[in-house]
C-alpha atoms as a PDB file:
ATOM      1  CA  MET A   1      73.497  20.544  82.853  1.00  0.00           C
ATOM      2  CA  ALA A   2      76.450  22.436  81.451  1.00  0.00           C
ATOM      3  CA  GLU A   3      77.119  25.869  82.893  1.00  0.00           C
ATOM      4  CA  ASP A   4      77.518  27.180  79.338  1.00  0.00           C
ATOM      5  CA  ASP A   5      73.886  26.251  78.710  1.00  0.00           C
ATOM      6  CA  VAL A   6      72.785  28.095  81.859  1.00  0.00           C
ATOM      7  CA  ARG A   7      74.693  31.211  80.743  1.00  0.00           C
ATOM      8  CA  ARG A   8      73.002  30.974  77.354  1.00  0.00           C
ATOM      9  CA  LEU A   9      69.621  30.751  79.078  1.00  0.00           C
ATOM     10  CA  GLU A  10      70.467  33.820  81.164  1.00  0.00           C
ATOM     11  CA  ARG A  11      71.320  35.785  78.008  1.00  0.00           C
ATOM     12  CA  LEU A  12      67.983  34.700  76.528  1.00  0.00           C
ATOM     13  CA  VAL A  13      66.191  35.956  79.658  1.00  0.00           C
ATOM     14  CA  SER A  14      67.789  39.363  79.171  1.00  0.00           C
ATOM     15  CA  GLU A  15      66.695  39.533  75.529  1.00  0.00           C
ATOM     16  CA  LEU A  16      63.156  38.411  76.365  1.00  0.00           C
ATOM     17  CA  GLY A  17      62.903  41.093  79.050  1.00  0.00           C
ATOM     18  CA  ALA A  18      63.930  43.718  76.506  1.00  0.00           C
ATOM     19  CA  ARG A  19      60.925  42.611  74.447  1.00  0.00           C
ATOM     20  CA  GLY A  20      58.509  43.075  77.338  1.00  0.00           C
ATOM     21  CA  LEU A  21      58.187  39.426  78.290  1.00  0.00           C
ATOM     22  CA  SER A  22      58.542  38.065  81.799  1.00  0.00           C
ATOM     23  CA  ALA A  23      61.245  35.398  81.861  1.00  0.00           C
ATOM     24  CA  ARG A  24      63.398  33.604  84.383  1.00  0.00           C
ATOM     25  CA  VAL A  25      65.717  30.633  84.560  1.00  0.00           C
ATOM     26  CA  VAL A  26      64.165  27.737  86.474  1.00  0.00           C
ATOM     27  CA  ARG A  27      66.121  24.766  87.764  1.00  0.00           C
ATOM     28  CA  ALA A  28      64.071  21.598  87.991  1.00  0.00           C
ATOM     29  CA  PRO A  29      64.725  19.145  90.844  1.00  0.00           C
ATOM     30  CA  SER A  30      66.437  16.942  88.264  1.00  0.00           C
ATOM     31  CA  GLY A  31      69.032  19.703  87.779  1.00  0.00           C
ATOM     32  CA  ARG A  32      67.830  20.581  84.293  1.00  0.00           C
ATOM     33  CA  ALA A  33      67.424  24.307  83.700  1.00  0.00           C
ATOM     34  CA  TYR A  34      65.010  26.043  81.371  1.00  0.00           C
ATOM     35  CA  VAL A  35      63.582  29.494  80.760  1.00  0.00           C
ATOM     36  CA  ARG A  36      59.969  30.032  81.761  1.00  0.00           C
ATOM     37  CA  VAL A  37      58.506  32.814  79.596  1.00  0.00           C
ATOM     38  CA  ILE A  38      55.171  34.573  80.146  1.00  0.00           C
ATOM     39  CA  ASN A  39      53.527  37.349  78.178  1.00  0.00           C
ATOM     40  CA  PRO A  40      52.489  39.728  81.014  1.00  0.00           C
ATOM     41  CA  ASN A  41      49.719  41.164  78.799  1.00  0.00           C
ATOM     42  CA  ALA A  42      48.186  37.718  78.251  1.00  0.00           C
ATOM     43  CA  THR A  43      49.378  35.420  81.033  1.00  0.00           C
ATOM     44  CA  SER A  44      47.909  32.309  79.437  1.00  0.00           C
ATOM     45  CA  LEU A  45      50.571  32.691  76.720  1.00  0.00           C
ATOM     46  CA  THR A  46      53.601  30.877  78.121  1.00  0.00           C
ATOM     47  CA  GLU A  47      56.495  28.772  76.936  1.00  0.00           C
ATOM     48  CA  ASN A  48      59.446  26.878  78.385  1.00  0.00           C
ATOM     49  CA  VAL A  49      62.710  27.029  76.429  1.00  0.00           C
ATOM     50  CA  VAL A  50      65.680  24.744  77.025  1.00  0.00           C
ATOM     51  CA  CYS A  51      69.265  25.012  75.824  1.00  0.00           C
ATOM     52  CA  GLN A  52      71.116  21.921  74.766  1.00  0.00           C
ATOM     53  CA  ALA A  53      73.987  21.246  72.390  1.00  0.00           C
ATOM     54  CA  ALA A  54      74.386  24.983  71.633  1.00  0.00           C
ATOM     55  CA  ASP A  55      70.773  25.321  70.498  1.00  0.00           C
ATOM     56  CA  TYR A  56      67.551  26.610  72.016  1.00  0.00           C
ATOM     57  CA  TRP A  57      64.637  24.174  71.919  1.00  0.00           C
ATOM     58  CA  TRP A  58      60.873  24.643  72.231  1.00  0.00           C
ATOM     59  CA  SER A  59      59.120  22.732  75.015  1.00  0.00           C
ATOM     60  CA  TRP A  60      57.742  20.214  72.508  1.00  0.00           C
ATOM     61  CA  GLY A  61      61.270  19.176  71.496  1.00  0.00           C
ATOM     62  CA  GLU A  62      61.701  21.076  68.247  1.00  0.00           C
ATOM     63  CA  ARG A  63      64.929  23.010  67.667  1.00  0.00           C
ATOM     64  CA  MET A  64      64.143  26.717  67.735  1.00  0.00           C
ATOM     65  CA  HIS A  65      67.359  28.692  67.179  1.00  0.00           C
ATOM     66  CA  GLN A  66      71.128  28.723  67.637  1.00  0.00           C
ATOM     67  CA  ALA A  67      72.125  29.597  71.189  1.00  0.00           C
ATOM     68  CA  ASP A  68      74.837  31.993  70.026  1.00  0.00           C
ATOM     69  CA  ASP A  69      72.055  34.338  68.856  1.00  0.00           C
ATOM     70  CA  PRO A  70      69.813  34.975  71.877  1.00  0.00           C
ATOM     71  CA  ALA A  71      68.325  38.085  70.250  1.00  0.00           C
ATOM     72  CA  GLY A  72      67.095  36.056  67.287  1.00  0.00           C
ATOM     73  CA  ALA A  73      65.676  33.394  69.593  1.00  0.00           C
ATOM     74  CA  ALA A  74      63.932  36.028  71.719  1.00  0.00           C
ATOM     75  CA  THR A  75      62.341  37.508  68.603  1.00  0.00           C
ATOM     76  CA  LYS A  76      60.898  34.092  67.718  1.00  0.00           C
ATOM     77  CA  VAL A  77      59.545  33.531  71.231  1.00  0.00           C
ATOM     78  CA  ALA A  78      58.031  37.035  71.321  1.00  0.00           C
ATOM     79  CA  ARG A  79      56.279  36.377  68.023  1.00  0.00           C
ATOM     80  CA  VAL A  80      54.833  33.065  69.266  1.00  0.00           C
ATOM     81  CA  LEU A  81      53.663  34.584  72.559  1.00  0.00           C
ATOM     82  CA  ALA A  82      52.248  37.782  71.077  1.00  0.00           C
ATOM     83  CA  ALA A  83      48.640  38.526  71.980  1.00  0.00           C
ATOM     84  CA  VAL A  84      46.304  39.279  69.068  1.00  0.00           C
ATOM     85  CA  SER A  85      46.069  42.950  70.094  1.00  0.00           C
ATOM     86  CA  GLU A  86      49.874  43.410  70.253  1.00  0.00           C
END
């Protein structure tokens, strides 16, 4: 995995934290890195986000957002993981 992608994931973690989500970069045994995101107010609401080819991708393989805009990506993730009462 490219170090640029890891840095992009780290910037996404920072933006997700600013939105009240728990997030961290995880490195799989294969060497692939991804962001594990959890809504701390509804811990069943989770998502894994990967960065590849300068884009962020949802866990199901759909392109989510450009990696040069981590704030925009974090807004999308926060919306998807929002609890009904939020």
